[in-house]
Structure formats: structure tokens, C-alpha cells
Amino acid sequence: MQVAAEKQAGASGTTQGRGIFRRNVGGIDRLVRIGAGITLASVGLIQMSRGHGGGLFALLGIFVLVMAGIGFCPFYAPFGISTARARRQLHRRSPDRAAACVQNCGTSEADRNNSNP
């Protein structure tokens, strides 16, 4: 069941942490990109309205805004750069970790949870 879900998620290419477009833009990076994108797009549009060109600035600003919106930067990917935090996996302790806890603490997590104070 889990394998089928992973295959389906990987096929879309836009999942969180799987597929081609792994999230690699973090929170502060996104804020900087949003500011830069708005600035570039505004400058480009103002220049275009005055008849001085500026289309390249506008397109670059829109591109930066889109990258901030989706959380993926294609220029980071080839170098393995990521400013995004790793997502925490919420799951039960594995049997190996539980065994290590029993070995270190002398009691299992289940025994500690079931004991009455």
C-alpha cells in the first residue's frame, strides 16, 4: 500500500520531498525572493510603461516570484543546495530504537507509559 502511494506521489513530480521538484527553498529564502521578485517586476513594468523596455526585468521578477511560490529553485538543484529544513517524520519508535532505550534505561517505553505514579 505504501509503495503504491510512493509511486503515485513520485509520478506527479511536485511532491514534498519526492520526485523531480524537491522543495529546496526555505522560509527566509522565500521572503527574500518575494521581495526581489516584486521589486524586479515593478521596475520592469514601470520601465515598460515609460517606453524604455524593461520586459526582461518583469519576466525575471515573475520567475523569481514563481520559484518562491512553489518552493523550488532549479539553480540550487544541480549543486544539491537547499535552504529548506528537513521535514520531521512523525512515527513510532522503531524496534531498534526501543531496544536501545531498554538497554540504556533498563525499562521499555511501554513499561514507563503503563506505570502508575
Foldseek 3Di string as FASTA:
>chain_A
DVVVVLVVQQVVQQDDCHHPFHQFAADVSLVVLLVQLVVQLVVLVVCVVVVNHSPVSNVVSVVSNVCSVSRGDPVCVVVVHGPHDDDDDDDDDDPVVQVVCCVVVVDGPVVVVPDDD
